[in-house]
N, C-alpha and C. Protein backbone atom coordinates (compact mmCIF):
# COMPACT_ATOMS: atom_id res chain seq x y z
N MET A 1 0.84 -1.17 0.00
CA MET A 1 0.00 0.00 0.00
C MET A 1 0.89 1.24 0.00
N SER A 2 0.50 2.24 -0.75
CA SER A 2 1.19 3.53 -0.76
C SER A 2 0.35 4.55 0.01
N LEU A 3 0.93 5.69 0.27
CA LEU A 3 0.20 6.75 0.96
C LEU A 3 -0.97 7.24 0.11
N SER A 4 -0.80 7.32 -1.20
CA SER A 4 -1.92 7.74 -2.05
C SER A 4 -3.03 6.69 -2.04
N ASP A 5 -2.69 5.39 -1.97
CA ASP A 5 -3.71 4.35 -1.85
C ASP A 5 -4.49 4.51 -0.55
N LEU A 6 -3.77 4.76 0.54
CA LEU A 6 -4.41 4.96 1.84
C LEU A 6 -5.34 6.16 1.80
N MET A 7 -4.86 7.26 1.22
CA MET A 7 -5.69 8.48 1.11
C MET A 7 -6.94 8.24 0.29
N GLU A 8 -6.80 7.56 -0.83
CA GLU A 8 -7.94 7.29 -1.70
C GLU A 8 -9.01 6.50 -0.95
N THR A 9 -8.60 5.52 -0.20
CA THR A 9 -9.55 4.72 0.58
C THR A 9 -10.20 5.56 1.67
N LEU A 10 -9.40 6.34 2.40
CA LEU A 10 -9.94 7.17 3.48
C LEU A 10 -10.95 8.19 2.96
N GLN A 11 -10.68 8.78 1.79
CA GLN A 11 -11.56 9.82 1.25
C GLN A 11 -12.94 9.29 0.89
N ALA A 12 -13.06 7.97 0.74
CA ALA A 12 -14.37 7.37 0.43
C ALA A 12 -15.15 7.02 1.70
N LEU A 13 -14.56 7.29 2.87
CA LEU A 13 -15.18 6.94 4.15
C LEU A 13 -15.71 8.19 4.85
N PRO A 14 -16.63 8.04 5.81
CA PRO A 14 -17.17 9.20 6.53
C PRO A 14 -16.06 9.97 7.25
N SER A 15 -15.99 11.28 7.02
CA SER A 15 -14.88 12.09 7.56
C SER A 15 -14.88 12.19 9.08
N GLU A 16 -16.04 12.01 9.72
CA GLU A 16 -16.10 12.10 11.18
C GLU A 16 -15.88 10.76 11.88
N ALA A 17 -15.74 9.69 11.11
CA ALA A 17 -15.53 8.37 11.71
C ALA A 17 -14.15 8.31 12.36
N PRO A 18 -14.06 7.73 13.56
CA PRO A 18 -12.75 7.58 14.19
C PRO A 18 -11.93 6.50 13.48
N VAL A 19 -10.62 6.75 13.35
CA VAL A 19 -9.70 5.79 12.75
C VAL A 19 -9.01 5.04 13.89
N VAL A 20 -9.22 3.73 13.91
CA VAL A 20 -8.64 2.89 14.95
C VAL A 20 -7.60 1.97 14.31
N PHE A 21 -6.33 2.19 14.66
CA PHE A 21 -5.27 1.30 14.20
C PHE A 21 -5.25 0.10 15.14
N LEU A 22 -5.06 -1.09 14.57
CA LEU A 22 -5.17 -2.32 15.34
C LEU A 22 -4.01 -3.25 15.01
N THR A 23 -3.31 -3.74 16.03
CA THR A 23 -2.26 -4.75 15.87
C THR A 23 -2.75 -6.05 16.48
N ASP A 24 -1.95 -7.10 16.37
CA ASP A 24 -2.30 -8.37 17.01
C ASP A 24 -2.41 -8.22 18.53
N GLU A 25 -1.74 -7.21 19.09
CA GLU A 25 -1.78 -6.97 20.54
C GLU A 25 -2.98 -6.13 20.96
N GLY A 26 -3.70 -5.56 20.02
CA GLY A 26 -4.87 -4.76 20.35
C GLY A 26 -4.85 -3.41 19.67
N GLU A 27 -5.80 -2.56 20.07
CA GLU A 27 -5.92 -1.22 19.48
C GLU A 27 -4.79 -0.31 19.93
N ILE A 28 -4.38 0.57 19.03
CA ILE A 28 -3.50 1.66 19.42
C ILE A 28 -4.35 2.60 20.26
N GLY A 29 -3.80 3.09 21.35
CA GLY A 29 -4.57 3.87 22.31
C GLY A 29 -5.22 5.11 21.72
N ALA A 30 -6.43 5.40 22.19
CA ALA A 30 -7.12 6.63 21.80
C ALA A 30 -6.23 7.81 22.18
N GLY A 31 -6.22 8.82 21.35
CA GLY A 31 -5.34 9.96 21.57
C GLY A 31 -3.98 9.76 20.93
N TYR A 32 -3.85 8.71 20.07
CA TYR A 32 -2.58 8.49 19.38
C TYR A 32 -2.21 9.71 18.55
N HIS A 33 -0.95 9.76 18.15
CA HIS A 33 -0.41 10.93 17.46
C HIS A 33 0.40 10.46 16.26
N VAL A 34 0.24 11.12 15.12
CA VAL A 34 1.11 10.88 13.97
C VAL A 34 2.36 11.72 14.20
N THR A 35 3.47 11.06 14.55
CA THR A 35 4.68 11.82 14.88
C THR A 35 5.45 12.24 13.64
N GLU A 36 5.43 11.41 12.60
CA GLU A 36 6.08 11.82 11.35
C GLU A 36 5.70 10.88 10.23
N LEU A 37 5.82 11.41 9.05
CA LEU A 37 5.80 10.62 7.82
C LEU A 37 7.16 10.83 7.20
N LYS A 38 7.83 9.75 6.87
CA LYS A 38 9.17 9.92 6.31
C LYS A 38 9.32 9.15 5.02
N LEU A 39 10.16 9.70 4.16
CA LEU A 39 10.51 9.09 2.89
C LEU A 39 11.98 8.71 2.98
N SER A 40 12.26 7.43 2.75
CA SER A 40 13.64 6.94 2.83
C SER A 40 14.07 6.38 1.48
N HIS A 41 15.32 6.63 1.14
CA HIS A 41 15.93 6.06 -0.06
C HIS A 41 16.95 5.05 0.43
N VAL A 42 16.78 3.79 0.04
CA VAL A 42 17.56 2.70 0.60
C VAL A 42 18.46 2.08 -0.47
N THR A 43 19.69 1.80 -0.09
CA THR A 43 20.59 0.97 -0.88
C THR A 43 20.96 -0.20 0.01
N SER A 44 20.78 -1.42 -0.49
CA SER A 44 21.06 -2.59 0.34
C SER A 44 21.87 -3.60 -0.44
N ILE A 45 22.47 -4.52 0.30
CA ILE A 45 23.10 -5.69 -0.28
C ILE A 45 22.50 -6.90 0.43
N ASP A 46 22.01 -7.86 -0.35
CA ASP A 46 21.37 -9.03 0.28
C ASP A 46 22.37 -10.15 0.48
N CYS A 47 21.89 -11.26 1.05
CA CYS A 47 22.77 -12.39 1.36
C CYS A 47 23.32 -13.06 0.11
N GLY A 48 22.79 -12.74 -1.05
CA GLY A 48 23.31 -13.24 -2.32
C GLY A 48 24.26 -12.25 -2.96
N THR A 49 24.65 -11.22 -2.24
CA THR A 49 25.57 -10.13 -2.63
C THR A 49 25.01 -9.25 -3.74
N ARG A 50 23.70 -9.20 -3.88
CA ARG A 50 23.10 -8.34 -4.90
C ARG A 50 22.75 -6.99 -4.28
N ILE A 51 23.05 -5.94 -5.02
CA ILE A 51 22.76 -4.57 -4.60
C ILE A 51 21.36 -4.21 -5.10
N ALA A 52 20.59 -3.54 -4.25
CA ALA A 52 19.25 -3.07 -4.64
C ALA A 52 19.06 -1.65 -4.12
N ASN A 53 18.30 -0.87 -4.86
CA ASN A 53 17.95 0.50 -4.48
C ASN A 53 16.45 0.65 -4.56
N TRP A 54 15.86 1.29 -3.57
CA TRP A 54 14.43 1.57 -3.58
C TRP A 54 14.11 2.69 -2.61
N SER A 55 12.90 3.17 -2.71
CA SER A 55 12.40 4.18 -1.77
C SER A 55 11.20 3.59 -1.04
N GLU A 56 11.00 4.02 0.19
CA GLU A 56 9.85 3.58 0.98
C GLU A 56 9.46 4.69 1.94
N ALA A 57 8.23 4.63 2.41
CA ALA A 57 7.72 5.63 3.35
C ALA A 57 7.31 4.94 4.64
N ALA A 58 7.35 5.71 5.72
CA ALA A 58 6.92 5.20 7.02
C ALA A 58 6.00 6.22 7.69
N LEU A 59 4.92 5.71 8.23
CA LEU A 59 3.98 6.48 9.04
C LEU A 59 4.26 6.10 10.48
N GLN A 60 4.83 7.04 11.25
CA GLN A 60 5.16 6.74 12.64
C GLN A 60 4.03 7.20 13.55
N LEU A 61 3.59 6.29 14.41
CA LEU A 61 2.48 6.55 15.32
C LEU A 61 2.94 6.45 16.76
N LEU A 62 2.55 7.43 17.57
CA LEU A 62 2.82 7.45 19.01
C LEU A 62 1.57 6.93 19.71
N ASP A 63 1.72 5.92 20.54
CA ASP A 63 0.58 5.32 21.25
C ASP A 63 -0.11 6.37 22.11
N GLY A 64 -1.42 6.31 22.17
CA GLY A 64 -2.19 7.26 22.97
C GLY A 64 -2.51 6.70 24.35
N ALA A 65 -2.72 7.60 25.28
CA ALA A 65 -3.06 7.19 26.65
C ALA A 65 -4.44 7.69 27.04
N ASN A 66 -4.91 8.72 26.36
CA ASN A 66 -6.25 9.24 26.65
C ASN A 66 -6.71 10.05 25.46
N GLY A 67 -7.93 10.49 25.50
CA GLY A 67 -8.47 11.27 24.39
C GLY A 67 -9.31 10.41 23.48
N ARG A 68 -9.44 10.86 22.24
CA ARG A 68 -10.25 10.14 21.27
C ARG A 68 -9.39 9.74 20.09
N HIS A 69 -9.88 8.76 19.35
CA HIS A 69 -9.19 8.37 18.12
C HIS A 69 -9.32 9.49 17.09
N MET A 70 -8.29 9.68 16.30
CA MET A 70 -8.30 10.69 15.25
C MET A 70 -9.39 10.35 14.24
N THR A 71 -10.02 11.37 13.68
CA THR A 71 -11.06 11.14 12.67
C THR A 71 -10.43 10.93 11.30
N VAL A 72 -11.21 10.35 10.41
CA VAL A 72 -10.79 10.17 9.02
C VAL A 72 -10.41 11.52 8.43
N GLY A 73 -11.22 12.56 8.68
CA GLY A 73 -10.94 13.89 8.14
C GLY A 73 -9.62 14.45 8.60
N LYS A 74 -9.32 14.33 9.89
CA LYS A 74 -8.06 14.86 10.42
C LYS A 74 -6.87 14.07 9.89
N LEU A 75 -6.97 12.74 9.89
CA LEU A 75 -5.86 11.93 9.38
C LEU A 75 -5.64 12.22 7.90
N SER A 76 -6.71 12.34 7.14
CA SER A 76 -6.59 12.66 5.71
C SER A 76 -5.91 14.00 5.49
N ALA A 77 -6.23 14.99 6.33
CA ALA A 77 -5.60 16.31 6.21
C ALA A 77 -4.10 16.23 6.48
N ILE A 78 -3.70 15.47 7.49
CA ILE A 78 -2.28 15.31 7.81
C ILE A 78 -1.56 14.61 6.65
N LEU A 79 -2.15 13.53 6.15
CA LEU A 79 -1.53 12.79 5.06
C LEU A 79 -1.45 13.64 3.79
N GLY A 80 -2.53 14.37 3.49
CA GLY A 80 -2.55 15.22 2.30
C GLY A 80 -1.51 16.32 2.35
N GLN A 81 -1.39 16.98 3.50
CA GLN A 81 -0.39 18.03 3.65
C GLN A 81 1.02 17.45 3.50
N SER A 82 1.24 16.29 4.07
CA SER A 82 2.55 15.65 3.97
C SER A 82 2.89 15.31 2.53
N MET A 83 1.93 14.76 1.80
CA MET A 83 2.17 14.41 0.39
C MET A 83 2.46 15.64 -0.45
N SER A 84 1.81 16.76 -0.14
CA SER A 84 2.03 17.97 -0.93
C SER A 84 3.38 18.62 -0.64
N ARG A 85 3.95 18.34 0.51
CA ARG A 85 5.20 18.99 0.90
C ARG A 85 6.44 18.13 0.70
N VAL A 86 6.27 16.81 0.62
CA VAL A 86 7.41 15.91 0.45
C VAL A 86 7.25 15.17 -0.89
N SER A 87 8.02 15.59 -1.86
CA SER A 87 7.95 15.01 -3.20
C SER A 87 8.32 13.52 -3.17
N GLY A 88 7.48 12.70 -3.80
CA GLY A 88 7.73 11.26 -3.88
C GLY A 88 7.12 10.45 -2.75
N LEU A 89 6.63 11.10 -1.72
CA LEU A 89 6.09 10.40 -0.55
C LEU A 89 4.83 9.59 -0.89
N ALA A 90 4.05 10.07 -1.83
CA ALA A 90 2.73 9.48 -2.09
C ALA A 90 2.76 8.11 -2.76
N THR A 91 3.78 7.82 -3.55
CA THR A 91 3.70 6.67 -4.44
C THR A 91 4.55 5.46 -4.06
N VAL A 92 5.38 5.58 -3.05
CA VAL A 92 6.26 4.48 -2.66
C VAL A 92 5.57 3.57 -1.64
N PRO A 93 6.05 2.35 -1.45
CA PRO A 93 5.45 1.47 -0.44
C PRO A 93 5.46 2.12 0.94
N LEU A 94 4.35 1.97 1.66
CA LEU A 94 4.17 2.59 2.97
C LEU A 94 4.10 1.52 4.05
N LYS A 95 4.82 1.75 5.13
CA LYS A 95 4.76 0.89 6.31
C LYS A 95 4.46 1.77 7.52
N ALA A 96 4.13 1.15 8.63
CA ALA A 96 3.89 1.89 9.87
C ALA A 96 4.96 1.53 10.88
N GLU A 97 5.35 2.52 11.69
CA GLU A 97 6.26 2.32 12.81
C GLU A 97 5.46 2.59 14.07
N PHE A 98 5.49 1.65 15.01
CA PHE A 98 4.66 1.80 16.20
C PHE A 98 5.10 0.82 17.27
N ALA A 99 4.83 1.19 18.54
CA ALA A 99 5.00 0.27 19.67
C ALA A 99 3.94 0.58 20.71
N HIS A 100 3.26 -0.46 21.17
CA HIS A 100 2.33 -0.28 22.29
C HIS A 100 3.14 0.20 23.49
N GLY A 101 2.66 1.24 24.16
CA GLY A 101 3.39 1.80 25.29
C GLY A 101 4.60 2.61 24.87
N ASN A 102 4.79 2.79 23.56
CA ASN A 102 5.87 3.60 22.99
C ASN A 102 7.27 3.09 23.32
N GLU A 103 7.41 1.79 23.52
CA GLU A 103 8.73 1.19 23.73
C GLU A 103 8.86 -0.04 22.85
N GLY A 104 10.03 -0.19 22.21
CA GLY A 104 10.26 -1.35 21.35
C GLY A 104 9.58 -1.22 20.00
N MET A 105 9.77 -0.08 19.34
CA MET A 105 9.09 0.20 18.07
C MET A 105 9.31 -0.92 17.06
N GLN A 106 8.24 -1.26 16.34
CA GLN A 106 8.27 -2.29 15.31
C GLN A 106 7.78 -1.73 14.00
N LEU A 107 8.10 -2.43 12.94
CA LEU A 107 7.67 -2.07 11.60
C LEU A 107 6.49 -2.96 11.21
N TYR A 108 5.43 -2.36 10.67
CA TYR A 108 4.21 -3.08 10.31
C TYR A 108 3.80 -2.79 8.87
N GLY A 109 3.15 -3.77 8.26
CA GLY A 109 2.45 -3.54 7.02
C GLY A 109 1.11 -2.89 7.35
N ILE A 110 0.53 -2.18 6.40
CA ILE A 110 -0.74 -1.49 6.62
C ILE A 110 -1.79 -2.10 5.69
N ASP A 111 -2.84 -2.65 6.27
CA ASP A 111 -3.94 -3.21 5.48
C ASP A 111 -4.90 -2.10 5.06
N THR A 112 -5.75 -2.39 4.11
CA THR A 112 -6.74 -1.43 3.63
C THR A 112 -7.74 -1.10 4.74
N PRO A 113 -7.97 0.20 5.00
CA PRO A 113 -8.95 0.59 6.02
C PRO A 113 -10.34 0.06 5.69
N GLU A 114 -11.07 -0.35 6.74
CA GLU A 114 -12.42 -0.87 6.55
C GLU A 114 -13.37 -0.20 7.54
N LEU A 115 -14.52 0.21 7.05
CA LEU A 115 -15.55 0.77 7.92
C LEU A 115 -16.24 -0.39 8.63
N THR A 116 -16.13 -0.41 9.96
CA THR A 116 -16.73 -1.45 10.78
C THR A 116 -17.61 -0.76 11.82
N GLY A 117 -18.91 -0.86 11.62
CA GLY A 117 -19.82 -0.12 12.49
C GLY A 117 -19.62 1.37 12.25
N ALA A 118 -19.35 2.11 13.31
CA ALA A 118 -19.17 3.56 13.20
C ALA A 118 -17.70 3.97 13.13
N LYS A 119 -16.77 2.98 13.13
CA LYS A 119 -15.36 3.35 13.11
C LYS A 119 -14.63 2.71 11.94
N VAL A 120 -13.50 3.29 11.60
CA VAL A 120 -12.66 2.78 10.52
C VAL A 120 -11.50 2.03 11.17
N ILE A 121 -11.37 0.76 10.80
CA ILE A 121 -10.30 -0.08 11.34
C ILE A 121 -9.18 -0.17 10.31
N VAL A 122 -7.95 0.12 10.77
CA VAL A 122 -6.76 -0.05 9.94
C VAL A 122 -5.90 -1.08 10.66
N ARG A 123 -5.84 -2.27 10.10
CA ARG A 123 -5.06 -3.34 10.72
C ARG A 123 -3.59 -3.19 10.32
N LEU A 124 -2.72 -3.26 11.33
CA LEU A 124 -1.28 -3.25 11.12
C LEU A 124 -0.79 -4.69 11.28
N THR A 125 -0.10 -5.20 10.28
CA THR A 125 0.34 -6.59 10.29
C THR A 125 1.85 -6.67 10.47
N GLN A 126 2.27 -7.60 11.32
CA GLN A 126 3.70 -7.75 11.58
C GLN A 126 4.42 -8.22 10.32
N LEU A 127 5.62 -7.70 10.15
CA LEU A 127 6.47 -8.08 9.02
C LEU A 127 7.56 -9.01 9.53
N ARG A 128 8.19 -9.73 8.63
CA ARG A 128 9.28 -10.61 9.04
C ARG A 128 10.44 -10.49 8.06
N ALA A 129 11.60 -10.89 8.51
CA ALA A 129 12.78 -10.90 7.64
C ALA A 129 12.59 -11.98 6.58
N GLN A 130 13.12 -11.71 5.39
CA GLN A 130 13.01 -12.66 4.30
C GLN A 130 14.32 -12.72 3.53
N CYS A 131 14.67 -13.90 3.07
CA CYS A 131 15.83 -14.09 2.21
C CYS A 131 15.38 -13.79 0.78
N LYS A 132 15.87 -12.69 0.21
CA LYS A 132 15.41 -12.29 -1.13
C LYS A 132 15.76 -13.31 -2.21
N PRO A 133 16.97 -13.90 -2.22
CA PRO A 133 17.21 -14.94 -3.23
C PRO A 133 16.23 -16.10 -3.12
N ALA A 134 15.86 -16.49 -1.91
CA ALA A 134 14.91 -17.60 -1.74
C ALA A 134 13.53 -17.22 -2.27
N LEU A 135 13.15 -15.96 -2.12
CA LEU A 135 11.84 -15.52 -2.63
C LEU A 135 11.76 -15.64 -4.14
N GLU A 136 12.91 -15.51 -4.80
CA GLU A 136 12.95 -15.55 -6.26
C GLU A 136 13.26 -16.94 -6.81
N MET A 137 13.48 -17.91 -5.92
CA MET A 137 13.83 -19.27 -6.30
C MET A 137 12.62 -19.97 -6.90
N PRO A 138 12.82 -20.79 -7.94
CA PRO A 138 11.70 -21.56 -8.50
C PRO A 138 11.05 -22.43 -7.43
N ALA A 139 9.76 -22.62 -7.54
CA ALA A 139 8.98 -23.35 -6.53
C ALA A 139 9.47 -24.78 -6.33
N ASN A 140 10.03 -25.39 -7.36
CA ASN A 140 10.45 -26.79 -7.25
C ASN A 140 11.85 -26.96 -6.66
N GLN A 141 12.54 -25.86 -6.36
CA GLN A 141 13.88 -25.94 -5.79
C GLN A 141 13.79 -25.99 -4.27
N ASN A 142 14.68 -26.72 -3.64
CA ASN A 142 14.69 -26.90 -2.19
C ASN A 142 15.24 -25.65 -1.51
N LEU A 143 14.42 -25.00 -0.68
CA LEU A 143 14.85 -23.79 0.01
C LEU A 143 16.04 -24.02 0.93
N SER A 144 16.15 -25.20 1.52
CA SER A 144 17.25 -25.43 2.45
C SER A 144 18.59 -25.37 1.74
N SER A 145 18.62 -25.61 0.42
CA SER A 145 19.88 -25.49 -0.31
C SER A 145 20.31 -24.04 -0.45
N CYS A 146 19.37 -23.13 -0.30
CA CYS A 146 19.69 -21.71 -0.41
C CYS A 146 19.89 -21.07 0.96
N CYS A 147 18.95 -21.28 1.84
CA CYS A 147 18.92 -20.51 3.09
C CYS A 147 19.35 -21.32 4.30
N GLY A 148 20.13 -22.32 4.10
CA GLY A 148 20.62 -23.10 5.22
C GLY A 148 21.66 -22.33 6.00
N VAL A 149 21.97 -22.82 7.18
CA VAL A 149 22.96 -22.14 8.02
C VAL A 149 24.37 -22.68 7.77
N SER A 150 24.49 -23.69 6.93
CA SER A 150 25.80 -24.27 6.67
C SER A 150 26.56 -23.43 5.64
N PRO A 151 27.90 -23.53 5.65
CA PRO A 151 28.70 -22.79 4.67
C PRO A 151 28.43 -23.24 3.24
N GLN A 152 27.80 -24.41 3.05
CA GLN A 152 27.54 -24.92 1.71
C GLN A 152 26.26 -24.36 1.10
N SER A 153 25.51 -23.53 1.81
CA SER A 153 24.29 -22.98 1.23
C SER A 153 24.65 -22.24 -0.04
N GLN A 154 23.82 -22.38 -1.07
CA GLN A 154 24.21 -21.97 -2.41
C GLN A 154 23.92 -20.52 -2.77
N CYS A 155 22.95 -19.88 -2.17
CA CYS A 155 22.62 -18.54 -2.64
C CYS A 155 23.19 -17.44 -1.76
N CYS A 156 23.53 -17.76 -0.55
CA CYS A 156 23.94 -16.72 0.39
C CYS A 156 25.44 -16.52 0.34
N GLY A 157 25.82 -15.40 -0.27
CA GLY A 157 27.12 -14.84 -0.44
C GLY A 157 28.30 -15.65 -0.21
């Protein structure tokens, strides 16, 4: 999901509906705060020694302790202003940064917002590390030959 995808979905929902972000551990506390939206340009080298370049965005959320959940209208205004001021922010993959209790921040995928009753639920899904060469390996090839822990593993550098 990109920031523009998120905005497009939100704009089709009632502007006064509260937006509730939800992880496997539960709801992000009412009164949460959007601390920043950031655009990052990444250069990486994977375990197969391949270099990759890409851009990605992060929506950082501060857990709330009191107050009310932000409305669709307010969140849309924050996202819209951010997209207009940071070139390239709208179209790159978007993830969320968050930690319940604001300690031990984690990176999450963002699911499509859904109107559930009178509120909009945005589910944040946990991400995991992945071996990129293994992801590109043909389905009939044995993954253990690539991603094993032995020095004989074939794809890892």
